[in-house]
N, C-alpha and C. Protein backbone atom coordinates (compact mmCIF):
# COMPACT_ATOMS: atom_id res chain seq x y z
N MET A 1 16.44 -52.18 53.84
CA MET A 1 16.80 -53.53 53.47
C MET A 1 16.74 -54.45 54.69
N ASP A 2 17.25 -53.96 55.83
CA ASP A 2 17.24 -54.79 57.05
C ASP A 2 15.82 -55.13 57.47
N GLU A 3 14.89 -54.16 57.29
CA GLU A 3 13.49 -54.41 57.65
C GLU A 3 12.90 -55.51 56.77
N VAL A 4 13.20 -55.47 55.48
CA VAL A 4 12.69 -56.47 54.54
C VAL A 4 13.24 -57.85 54.91
N LEU A 5 14.55 -57.91 55.18
CA LEU A 5 15.16 -59.19 55.54
C LEU A 5 14.63 -59.73 56.87
N ALA A 6 14.32 -58.84 57.80
CA ALA A 6 13.81 -59.26 59.11
C ALA A 6 12.44 -59.91 58.99
N GLU A 7 11.69 -59.57 57.96
CA GLU A 7 10.34 -60.13 57.77
C GLU A 7 10.36 -61.48 57.06
N VAL A 8 11.49 -61.85 56.45
CA VAL A 8 11.56 -63.09 55.68
C VAL A 8 11.37 -64.31 56.58
N GLY A 9 12.06 -64.34 57.73
CA GLY A 9 11.97 -65.50 58.62
C GLY A 9 10.55 -65.80 59.06
N PRO A 10 9.84 -64.83 59.66
CA PRO A 10 8.45 -65.08 60.05
C PRO A 10 7.57 -65.50 58.86
N ARG A 11 7.84 -64.94 57.70
CA ARG A 11 7.06 -65.29 56.51
C ARG A 11 7.32 -66.75 56.11
N LEU A 12 8.59 -67.18 56.19
CA LEU A 12 8.93 -68.57 55.88
C LEU A 12 8.21 -69.52 56.84
N ARG A 13 8.22 -69.17 58.13
CA ARG A 13 7.57 -70.02 59.13
C ARG A 13 6.06 -70.08 58.86
N ARG A 14 5.43 -68.92 58.57
CA ARG A 14 3.99 -68.88 58.31
C ARG A 14 3.62 -69.72 57.10
N ILE A 15 4.36 -69.60 56.02
CA ILE A 15 4.07 -70.36 54.80
C ILE A 15 4.24 -71.86 55.05
N ARG A 16 5.30 -72.22 55.78
CA ARG A 16 5.53 -73.64 56.07
C ARG A 16 4.39 -74.21 56.91
N LYS A 17 3.95 -73.46 57.92
CA LYS A 17 2.86 -73.94 58.79
C LYS A 17 1.53 -74.00 58.05
N GLU A 18 1.29 -73.01 57.14
CA GLU A 18 0.05 -73.03 56.33
C GLU A 18 -0.01 -74.30 55.48
N ARG A 19 1.15 -74.77 55.06
CA ARG A 19 1.21 -75.97 54.22
C ARG A 19 1.37 -77.25 55.06
N GLN A 20 1.33 -77.06 56.36
CA GLN A 20 1.42 -78.17 57.32
C GLN A 20 2.68 -79.01 57.08
N ALA A 21 3.78 -78.33 56.81
CA ALA A 21 5.06 -79.00 56.59
C ALA A 21 5.90 -78.89 57.86
N THR A 22 6.74 -79.87 58.08
CA THR A 22 7.67 -79.84 59.21
C THR A 22 9.03 -79.39 58.71
N LEU A 23 9.89 -78.96 59.64
CA LEU A 23 11.25 -78.60 59.25
C LEU A 23 11.97 -79.81 58.65
N ALA A 24 11.74 -80.98 59.23
CA ALA A 24 12.39 -82.20 58.72
C ALA A 24 11.91 -82.53 57.31
N GLY A 25 10.61 -82.39 57.07
CA GLY A 25 10.06 -82.65 55.73
C GLY A 25 10.58 -81.67 54.71
N LEU A 26 10.65 -80.39 55.09
CA LEU A 26 11.16 -79.35 54.19
C LEU A 26 12.64 -79.58 53.91
N SER A 27 13.37 -80.02 54.94
CA SER A 27 14.80 -80.32 54.79
C SER A 27 15.01 -81.43 53.77
N GLU A 28 14.18 -82.44 53.85
CA GLU A 28 14.30 -83.58 52.94
C GLU A 28 14.06 -83.16 51.49
N VAL A 29 13.07 -82.29 51.27
CA VAL A 29 12.72 -81.86 49.91
C VAL A 29 13.74 -80.88 49.34
N THR A 30 14.28 -79.98 50.20
CA THR A 30 15.16 -78.92 49.70
C THR A 30 16.64 -79.25 49.78
N GLY A 31 16.99 -80.20 50.65
CA GLY A 31 18.42 -80.50 50.84
C GLY A 31 19.09 -79.51 51.78
N ILE A 32 18.31 -78.66 52.44
CA ILE A 32 18.84 -77.68 53.39
C ILE A 32 18.68 -78.30 54.79
N SER A 33 19.70 -78.20 55.61
CA SER A 33 19.64 -78.83 56.93
C SER A 33 18.53 -78.23 57.79
N VAL A 34 18.02 -79.02 58.72
CA VAL A 34 16.96 -78.58 59.64
C VAL A 34 17.45 -77.38 60.45
N SER A 35 18.70 -77.42 60.90
CA SER A 35 19.22 -76.31 61.72
C SER A 35 19.29 -75.01 60.91
N THR A 36 19.67 -75.11 59.63
CA THR A 36 19.72 -73.90 58.77
C THR A 36 18.32 -73.36 58.54
N LEU A 37 17.35 -74.24 58.28
CA LEU A 37 15.96 -73.80 58.10
C LEU A 37 15.44 -73.13 59.36
N SER A 38 15.74 -73.70 60.52
CA SER A 38 15.30 -73.15 61.79
C SER A 38 15.91 -71.77 62.02
N ARG A 39 17.20 -71.62 61.74
CA ARG A 39 17.87 -70.32 61.91
C ARG A 39 17.32 -69.29 60.93
N LEU A 40 16.97 -69.71 59.69
CA LEU A 40 16.35 -68.79 58.73
C LEU A 40 15.02 -68.27 59.28
N GLU A 41 14.18 -69.19 59.78
CA GLU A 41 12.86 -68.81 60.28
C GLU A 41 12.95 -67.94 61.53
N SER A 42 13.98 -68.15 62.36
CA SER A 42 14.10 -67.36 63.59
C SER A 42 14.85 -66.05 63.35
N GLY A 43 15.38 -65.85 62.14
CA GLY A 43 16.09 -64.61 61.83
C GLY A 43 17.55 -64.63 62.24
N LEU A 44 18.06 -65.79 62.67
CA LEU A 44 19.46 -65.89 63.07
C LEU A 44 20.39 -66.10 61.88
N ARG A 45 19.82 -66.38 60.72
CA ARG A 45 20.61 -66.55 59.49
C ARG A 45 19.99 -65.67 58.41
N LYS A 46 20.84 -64.95 57.70
CA LYS A 46 20.35 -64.09 56.61
C LYS A 46 19.95 -64.96 55.43
N PRO A 47 18.82 -64.64 54.81
CA PRO A 47 18.40 -65.42 53.64
C PRO A 47 19.26 -65.09 52.43
N SER A 48 19.47 -66.08 51.59
CA SER A 48 20.19 -65.90 50.33
C SER A 48 19.39 -66.59 49.24
N LEU A 49 19.72 -66.28 48.01
CA LEU A 49 19.03 -66.93 46.89
C LEU A 49 19.24 -68.44 46.92
N GLU A 50 20.45 -68.88 47.29
CA GLU A 50 20.74 -70.32 47.33
C GLU A 50 19.82 -71.05 48.30
N LEU A 51 19.37 -70.36 49.34
CA LEU A 51 18.47 -70.97 50.31
C LEU A 51 17.00 -70.75 49.95
N LEU A 52 16.68 -69.56 49.47
CA LEU A 52 15.27 -69.22 49.21
C LEU A 52 14.70 -69.90 47.98
N LEU A 53 15.49 -70.08 46.94
CA LEU A 53 14.97 -70.70 45.71
C LEU A 53 14.46 -72.12 45.95
N PRO A 54 15.22 -73.00 46.62
CA PRO A 54 14.68 -74.35 46.86
C PRO A 54 13.43 -74.33 47.76
N ILE A 55 13.39 -73.40 48.72
CA ILE A 55 12.22 -73.30 49.60
C ILE A 55 11.00 -72.85 48.80
N ALA A 56 11.20 -71.88 47.92
CA ALA A 56 10.10 -71.39 47.08
C ALA A 56 9.58 -72.53 46.20
N ARG A 57 10.48 -73.31 45.61
CA ARG A 57 10.07 -74.45 44.77
C ARG A 57 9.29 -75.48 45.60
N ALA A 58 9.80 -75.77 46.79
CA ALA A 58 9.16 -76.78 47.64
C ALA A 58 7.74 -76.35 48.04
N HIS A 59 7.56 -75.07 48.31
CA HIS A 59 6.23 -74.57 48.71
C HIS A 59 5.37 -74.19 47.49
N GLU A 60 5.99 -74.22 46.31
CA GLU A 60 5.31 -73.81 45.06
C GLU A 60 4.75 -72.40 45.16
N VAL A 61 5.63 -71.48 45.58
CA VAL A 61 5.28 -70.06 45.65
C VAL A 61 6.35 -69.26 44.91
N ALA A 62 5.97 -68.07 44.51
CA ALA A 62 6.93 -67.18 43.87
C ALA A 62 7.93 -66.68 44.91
N LEU A 63 9.14 -66.46 44.48
CA LEU A 63 10.17 -65.93 45.36
C LEU A 63 9.71 -64.60 45.98
N ASP A 64 8.99 -63.81 45.19
CA ASP A 64 8.45 -62.53 45.68
C ASP A 64 7.62 -62.71 46.94
N GLU A 65 6.86 -63.81 46.99
CA GLU A 65 6.00 -64.06 48.15
C GLU A 65 6.84 -64.35 49.39
N LEU A 66 7.97 -65.02 49.22
CA LEU A 66 8.84 -65.33 50.36
C LEU A 66 9.51 -64.07 50.92
N VAL A 67 9.91 -63.18 50.05
CA VAL A 67 10.63 -61.99 50.52
C VAL A 67 9.73 -60.78 50.71
N GLY A 68 8.45 -60.90 50.34
CA GLY A 68 7.53 -59.78 50.52
C GLY A 68 7.82 -58.63 49.59
N ALA A 69 8.18 -58.95 48.35
CA ALA A 69 8.47 -57.90 47.37
C ALA A 69 7.23 -57.06 47.13
N PRO A 70 7.42 -55.75 46.94
CA PRO A 70 6.25 -54.90 46.67
C PRO A 70 5.60 -55.29 45.35
N SER A 71 4.30 -55.15 45.30
CA SER A 71 3.61 -55.48 44.05
C SER A 71 3.95 -54.45 42.99
N VAL A 72 3.94 -54.90 41.76
CA VAL A 72 4.22 -54.02 40.63
C VAL A 72 2.95 -53.23 40.35
N ARG A 73 3.11 -51.93 40.19
CA ARG A 73 1.92 -51.10 39.97
C ARG A 73 1.36 -51.32 38.57
N ASP A 74 0.12 -50.97 38.43
CA ASP A 74 -0.57 -51.09 37.15
C ASP A 74 0.10 -50.18 36.13
N PRO A 75 0.57 -50.71 34.98
CA PRO A 75 1.30 -49.88 34.02
C PRO A 75 0.40 -48.98 33.17
N ARG A 76 -0.91 -49.19 33.25
CA ARG A 76 -1.79 -48.39 32.39
C ARG A 76 -1.85 -46.94 32.86
N VAL A 77 -1.89 -46.04 31.90
CA VAL A 77 -2.04 -44.62 32.19
C VAL A 77 -3.52 -44.34 32.35
N ARG A 78 -3.88 -43.78 33.47
CA ARG A 78 -5.29 -43.48 33.72
C ARG A 78 -5.42 -41.98 33.96
N ALA A 79 -5.45 -41.25 32.89
CA ALA A 79 -5.59 -39.80 33.00
C ALA A 79 -7.01 -39.45 33.42
N ALA A 80 -7.11 -38.48 34.29
CA ALA A 80 -8.43 -38.05 34.76
C ALA A 80 -9.16 -37.34 33.62
N PRO A 81 -10.42 -37.70 33.38
CA PRO A 81 -11.16 -37.04 32.31
C PRO A 81 -11.49 -35.59 32.67
N ILE A 82 -11.62 -34.79 31.64
CA ILE A 82 -11.97 -33.37 31.79
C ILE A 82 -13.31 -33.17 31.10
N SER A 83 -14.25 -32.50 31.76
CA SER A 83 -15.55 -32.21 31.14
C SER A 83 -15.61 -30.74 30.78
N ARG A 84 -15.93 -30.48 29.50
CA ARG A 84 -16.07 -29.10 29.01
C ARG A 84 -17.20 -29.06 27.99
N HIS A 85 -18.09 -28.13 28.18
CA HIS A 85 -19.19 -27.90 27.23
C HIS A 85 -19.97 -29.20 26.95
N GLY A 86 -20.15 -30.03 28.00
CA GLY A 86 -20.92 -31.26 27.85
C GLY A 86 -20.15 -32.41 27.23
N ARG A 87 -18.89 -32.19 26.90
CA ARG A 87 -18.06 -33.24 26.30
C ARG A 87 -17.06 -33.74 27.34
N THR A 88 -16.58 -34.96 27.14
CA THR A 88 -15.58 -35.52 28.04
C THR A 88 -14.30 -35.73 27.25
N TYR A 89 -13.19 -35.21 27.79
CA TYR A 89 -11.88 -35.29 27.16
C TYR A 89 -10.95 -36.09 28.07
N TRP A 90 -10.26 -37.09 27.49
CA TRP A 90 -9.23 -37.84 28.22
C TRP A 90 -7.88 -37.44 27.62
N PRO A 91 -7.04 -36.73 28.36
CA PRO A 91 -5.72 -36.36 27.83
C PRO A 91 -4.87 -37.61 27.64
N LEU A 92 -4.22 -37.72 26.50
CA LEU A 92 -3.37 -38.87 26.19
C LEU A 92 -1.89 -38.48 26.18
N THR A 93 -1.61 -37.19 26.28
CA THR A 93 -0.23 -36.72 26.38
C THR A 93 -0.06 -36.08 27.75
N ARG A 94 1.14 -36.14 28.27
CA ARG A 94 1.39 -35.63 29.62
C ARG A 94 2.18 -34.33 29.64
N GLN A 95 2.95 -34.05 28.61
CA GLN A 95 3.79 -32.86 28.63
C GLN A 95 2.99 -31.64 28.15
N PRO A 96 3.22 -30.49 28.77
CA PRO A 96 2.52 -29.28 28.34
C PRO A 96 3.13 -28.75 27.04
N GLY A 97 2.32 -28.04 26.27
CA GLY A 97 2.80 -27.44 25.04
C GLY A 97 2.99 -28.46 23.94
N GLY A 98 3.22 -27.97 22.75
CA GLY A 98 3.43 -28.87 21.62
C GLY A 98 2.19 -29.65 21.25
N LEU A 99 2.39 -30.71 20.52
CA LEU A 99 1.30 -31.54 20.05
C LEU A 99 0.59 -32.21 21.22
N GLN A 100 -0.74 -32.11 21.27
CA GLN A 100 -1.55 -32.69 22.34
C GLN A 100 -2.51 -33.72 21.75
N ALA A 101 -2.71 -34.83 22.46
CA ALA A 101 -3.63 -35.87 22.01
C ALA A 101 -4.72 -36.06 23.06
N PHE A 102 -5.96 -36.25 22.59
CA PHE A 102 -7.11 -36.45 23.46
C PHE A 102 -8.02 -37.52 22.87
N LYS A 103 -8.66 -38.27 23.74
CA LYS A 103 -9.79 -39.09 23.34
C LYS A 103 -11.00 -38.28 23.79
N VAL A 104 -11.99 -38.12 22.92
CA VAL A 104 -13.13 -37.24 23.20
C VAL A 104 -14.44 -37.99 23.01
N LEU A 105 -15.36 -37.78 23.94
CA LEU A 105 -16.70 -38.34 23.84
C LEU A 105 -17.69 -37.18 23.76
N VAL A 106 -18.44 -37.15 22.66
CA VAL A 106 -19.48 -36.15 22.45
C VAL A 106 -20.82 -36.86 22.66
N PRO A 107 -21.61 -36.43 23.66
CA PRO A 107 -22.89 -37.10 23.90
C PRO A 107 -23.91 -36.74 22.82
N GLN A 108 -24.95 -37.55 22.74
CA GLN A 108 -26.03 -37.26 21.80
C GLN A 108 -26.66 -35.93 22.22
N ALA A 109 -26.82 -35.04 21.26
CA ALA A 109 -27.42 -33.73 21.53
C ALA A 109 -27.86 -33.10 20.22
N ASN A 110 -28.80 -32.20 20.31
CA ASN A 110 -29.20 -31.40 19.15
C ASN A 110 -28.62 -30.01 19.37
N GLU A 111 -27.46 -29.78 18.78
CA GLU A 111 -26.75 -28.52 18.98
C GLU A 111 -26.77 -27.71 17.69
N GLU A 112 -26.81 -26.43 17.86
CA GLU A 112 -26.68 -25.52 16.73
C GLU A 112 -25.19 -25.22 16.58
N PRO A 113 -24.59 -25.49 15.41
CA PRO A 113 -23.16 -25.24 15.24
C PRO A 113 -22.81 -23.76 15.45
N GLU A 114 -21.71 -23.54 16.17
CA GLU A 114 -21.17 -22.20 16.36
C GLU A 114 -19.69 -22.24 15.98
N PRO A 115 -19.39 -22.14 14.67
CA PRO A 115 -17.99 -22.23 14.23
C PRO A 115 -17.11 -21.15 14.88
N ARG A 116 -15.88 -21.57 15.21
CA ARG A 116 -14.90 -20.67 15.83
C ARG A 116 -13.56 -20.85 15.14
N THR A 117 -12.67 -19.93 15.40
CA THR A 117 -11.31 -20.02 14.86
C THR A 117 -10.31 -19.81 16.00
N HIS A 118 -9.13 -20.36 15.82
CA HIS A 118 -8.02 -20.14 16.75
C HIS A 118 -6.76 -20.65 16.08
N GLU A 119 -5.62 -20.32 16.64
CA GLU A 119 -4.34 -20.78 16.11
C GLU A 119 -4.23 -22.29 16.28
N GLY A 120 -3.63 -22.95 15.31
CA GLY A 120 -3.35 -24.37 15.46
C GLY A 120 -3.73 -25.20 14.25
N TYR A 121 -3.55 -26.50 14.42
CA TYR A 121 -3.86 -27.46 13.37
C TYR A 121 -4.42 -28.69 14.07
N GLU A 122 -5.51 -29.25 13.56
CA GLU A 122 -6.17 -30.37 14.24
C GLU A 122 -6.37 -31.54 13.29
N TRP A 123 -6.29 -32.72 13.88
CA TRP A 123 -6.48 -33.98 13.18
C TRP A 123 -7.46 -34.79 14.01
N LEU A 124 -8.56 -35.27 13.42
CA LEU A 124 -9.57 -36.05 14.13
C LEU A 124 -9.71 -37.42 13.49
N TYR A 125 -9.83 -38.45 14.33
CA TYR A 125 -10.06 -39.82 13.87
C TYR A 125 -11.28 -40.34 14.64
N VAL A 126 -12.35 -40.67 13.92
CA VAL A 126 -13.59 -41.12 14.57
C VAL A 126 -13.46 -42.59 14.95
N LEU A 127 -13.67 -42.87 16.24
CA LEU A 127 -13.62 -44.23 16.76
C LEU A 127 -14.97 -44.92 16.67
N SER A 128 -16.04 -44.19 17.02
CA SER A 128 -17.39 -44.77 16.96
C SER A 128 -18.41 -43.66 16.86
N GLY A 129 -19.58 -44.02 16.39
CA GLY A 129 -20.66 -43.05 16.26
C GLY A 129 -20.53 -42.21 14.99
N ARG A 130 -21.28 -41.11 14.99
CA ARG A 130 -21.28 -40.20 13.85
C ARG A 130 -20.97 -38.81 14.38
N LEU A 131 -19.95 -38.18 13.80
CA LEU A 131 -19.49 -36.86 14.24
C LEU A 131 -19.76 -35.85 13.14
N ARG A 132 -20.49 -34.80 13.49
CA ARG A 132 -20.77 -33.74 12.51
C ARG A 132 -19.65 -32.72 12.55
N LEU A 133 -19.14 -32.36 11.38
CA LEU A 133 -18.07 -31.37 11.25
C LEU A 133 -18.53 -30.27 10.32
N VAL A 134 -18.51 -29.05 10.83
CA VAL A 134 -18.75 -27.87 10.00
C VAL A 134 -17.40 -27.19 9.88
N LEU A 135 -16.90 -27.07 8.63
CA LEU A 135 -15.57 -26.53 8.38
C LEU A 135 -15.65 -25.61 7.17
N GLY A 136 -15.49 -24.31 7.43
CA GLY A 136 -15.63 -23.35 6.35
C GLY A 136 -17.01 -23.49 5.75
N GLY A 137 -17.11 -23.76 4.45
CA GLY A 137 -18.40 -23.93 3.78
C GLY A 137 -18.88 -25.37 3.74
N HIS A 138 -18.18 -26.28 4.38
CA HIS A 138 -18.55 -27.70 4.35
C HIS A 138 -19.30 -28.11 5.61
N ASP A 139 -20.27 -29.00 5.43
CA ASP A 139 -21.01 -29.58 6.55
C ASP A 139 -21.01 -31.09 6.29
N ALA A 140 -20.23 -31.84 7.04
CA ALA A 140 -20.04 -33.28 6.77
C ALA A 140 -20.30 -34.11 8.02
N VAL A 141 -20.66 -35.36 7.79
CA VAL A 141 -20.83 -36.32 8.88
C VAL A 141 -19.74 -37.38 8.71
N LEU A 142 -18.92 -37.53 9.75
CA LEU A 142 -17.83 -38.51 9.74
C LEU A 142 -18.26 -39.74 10.53
N THR A 143 -17.89 -40.92 10.06
CA THR A 143 -18.23 -42.17 10.74
C THR A 143 -16.94 -42.89 11.16
N ALA A 144 -17.10 -43.97 11.90
CA ALA A 144 -15.96 -44.72 12.44
C ALA A 144 -14.93 -45.02 11.36
N GLY A 145 -13.67 -44.72 11.66
CA GLY A 145 -12.57 -44.98 10.74
C GLY A 145 -12.23 -43.81 9.84
N GLU A 146 -13.05 -42.77 9.83
CA GLU A 146 -12.75 -41.62 8.97
C GLU A 146 -11.88 -40.60 9.71
N VAL A 147 -11.06 -39.92 8.92
CA VAL A 147 -10.10 -38.96 9.44
C VAL A 147 -10.29 -37.63 8.73
N VAL A 148 -10.07 -36.56 9.47
CA VAL A 148 -10.10 -35.23 8.87
C VAL A 148 -8.97 -34.41 9.51
N GLU A 149 -8.35 -33.54 8.72
CA GLU A 149 -7.33 -32.65 9.26
C GLU A 149 -7.60 -31.26 8.70
N PHE A 150 -7.34 -30.25 9.55
CA PHE A 150 -7.63 -28.89 9.11
C PHE A 150 -6.87 -27.87 9.93
N ASP A 151 -6.69 -26.71 9.31
CA ASP A 151 -6.10 -25.55 9.96
C ASP A 151 -7.20 -24.93 10.81
N THR A 152 -6.96 -24.74 12.09
CA THR A 152 -8.02 -24.25 12.98
C THR A 152 -8.28 -22.74 12.82
N ARG A 153 -7.55 -22.09 11.92
CA ARG A 153 -7.87 -20.69 11.61
C ARG A 153 -9.07 -20.61 10.66
N VAL A 154 -9.44 -21.78 10.07
CA VAL A 154 -10.66 -21.87 9.26
C VAL A 154 -11.82 -22.04 10.24
N PRO A 155 -12.92 -21.28 10.10
CA PRO A 155 -14.04 -21.45 11.03
C PRO A 155 -14.50 -22.91 11.05
N HIS A 156 -14.59 -23.48 12.26
CA HIS A 156 -14.93 -24.90 12.39
C HIS A 156 -15.75 -25.15 13.65
N TRP A 157 -16.48 -26.26 13.61
CA TRP A 157 -17.26 -26.75 14.74
C TRP A 157 -17.44 -28.24 14.54
N PHE A 158 -17.38 -29.02 15.61
CA PHE A 158 -17.72 -30.43 15.50
C PHE A 158 -18.51 -30.82 16.73
N GLY A 159 -19.46 -31.74 16.49
CA GLY A 159 -20.32 -32.16 17.59
C GLY A 159 -21.24 -33.29 17.16
N SER A 160 -22.29 -33.48 17.95
CA SER A 160 -23.23 -34.58 17.73
C SER A 160 -24.10 -34.32 16.50
N THR A 161 -24.48 -35.41 15.85
CA THR A 161 -25.43 -35.33 14.75
C THR A 161 -26.86 -35.36 15.29
N GLY A 162 -26.99 -35.64 16.61
CA GLY A 162 -28.30 -35.79 17.22
C GLY A 162 -28.80 -37.22 17.18
N GLU A 163 -28.00 -38.11 16.57
CA GLU A 163 -28.41 -39.51 16.41
C GLU A 163 -27.75 -40.44 17.42
N GLY A 164 -26.89 -39.94 18.27
CA GLY A 164 -26.20 -40.77 19.25
C GLY A 164 -24.86 -40.16 19.59
N PRO A 165 -24.15 -40.75 20.55
CA PRO A 165 -22.85 -40.21 20.93
C PRO A 165 -21.80 -40.51 19.86
N ALA A 166 -20.72 -39.77 19.89
CA ALA A 166 -19.59 -40.00 18.99
C ALA A 166 -18.32 -39.97 19.83
N GLU A 167 -17.38 -40.84 19.47
CA GLU A 167 -16.11 -40.92 20.17
C GLU A 167 -15.01 -40.78 19.13
N PHE A 168 -14.02 -39.92 19.43
CA PHE A 168 -12.95 -39.72 18.46
C PHE A 168 -11.64 -39.38 19.15
N LEU A 169 -10.55 -39.51 18.39
CA LEU A 169 -9.24 -39.08 18.85
C LEU A 169 -8.95 -37.74 18.22
N SER A 170 -8.35 -36.86 19.00
CA SER A 170 -7.99 -35.53 18.51
C SER A 170 -6.51 -35.30 18.76
N LEU A 171 -5.80 -34.90 17.71
CA LEU A 171 -4.42 -34.46 17.84
C LEU A 171 -4.41 -32.99 17.48
N PHE A 172 -3.91 -32.18 18.38
CA PHE A 172 -3.95 -30.74 18.18
C PHE A 172 -2.58 -30.14 18.38
N GLY A 173 -2.14 -29.39 17.37
CA GLY A 173 -0.88 -28.66 17.45
C GLY A 173 -1.17 -27.18 17.57
N PRO A 174 -0.86 -26.56 18.71
CA PRO A 174 -1.23 -25.16 18.93
C PRO A 174 -0.54 -24.16 18.03
N GLN A 175 0.67 -24.43 17.56
CA GLN A 175 1.38 -23.49 16.69
C GLN A 175 1.30 -23.89 15.23
N GLY A 176 0.30 -24.66 14.87
CA GLY A 176 0.13 -25.03 13.48
C GLY A 176 0.97 -26.22 13.05
N GLU A 177 1.50 -26.99 14.04
CA GLU A 177 2.24 -28.18 13.66
C GLU A 177 1.29 -29.12 12.93
N ARG A 178 1.76 -29.69 11.88
CA ARG A 178 0.93 -30.60 11.10
C ARG A 178 1.28 -32.03 11.42
N ILE A 179 0.31 -32.89 11.30
CA ILE A 179 0.51 -34.32 11.48
C ILE A 179 1.10 -34.85 10.18
N HIS A 180 2.10 -35.69 10.27
CA HIS A 180 2.71 -36.27 9.07
C HIS A 180 2.28 -37.72 8.94
N VAL A 181 1.51 -38.02 7.91
CA VAL A 181 1.06 -39.37 7.66
C VAL A 181 1.97 -39.96 6.60
N ARG A 182 2.58 -41.08 6.91
CA ARG A 182 3.46 -41.73 5.97
C ARG A 182 2.74 -42.94 5.41
N ALA A 183 2.72 -43.05 4.09
CA ALA A 183 2.06 -44.18 3.44
C ALA A 183 2.97 -44.74 2.37
N ARG A 184 2.80 -46.00 2.10
CA ARG A 184 3.59 -46.62 1.03
C ARG A 184 3.12 -46.09 -0.31
N PRO A 185 4.05 -45.90 -1.25
CA PRO A 185 3.61 -45.48 -2.58
C PRO A 185 2.88 -46.63 -3.27
N LYS A 186 1.98 -46.26 -4.18
CA LYS A 186 1.23 -47.28 -4.94
C LYS A 186 2.21 -48.05 -5.82
N ARG A 187 1.97 -49.36 -5.89
CA ARG A 187 2.82 -50.19 -6.76
C ARG A 187 2.29 -50.14 -8.18
N SER A 188 3.22 -50.17 -9.12
CA SER A 188 2.82 -50.13 -10.53
C SER A 188 2.39 -51.48 -10.98
């Protein structure tokens, strides 16, 4: 805290000089005496909100700029993509185990389906492109906005139709957790 406060005075002086203002001119605008402004800039007086707010207004700067507040970090989650079998997966959940969410990009390719089985339950939502799904005895092409859910113990494969890339969201529950979709009942 002392280090942060020690930097306020030099910062006040630098900002005032950048704006080509004098202590007397700043005093007139803020109502703070010249001697108090001088002591603030030299570090002989501790800054307070009562003193800093009028100075910030006079210089038309944010209070953060006067005190050198750390910048707020970017709130977006930027998970590192994972590449597997030519596909790119962006993890959307951070905790291990339980329900996992991924954004997946399948590049354009001519692949021969190789259905597999494993424990779990999966829900796919196509964002863009065309996604081929082979599930049990079904062979379907899903387009943007379509959803499919299935038990992963049923032989399944999904991939490119060969006509372009496909992007989709995947929710996967390893122990067979099912996704619960709530919808309003139809009105009579």
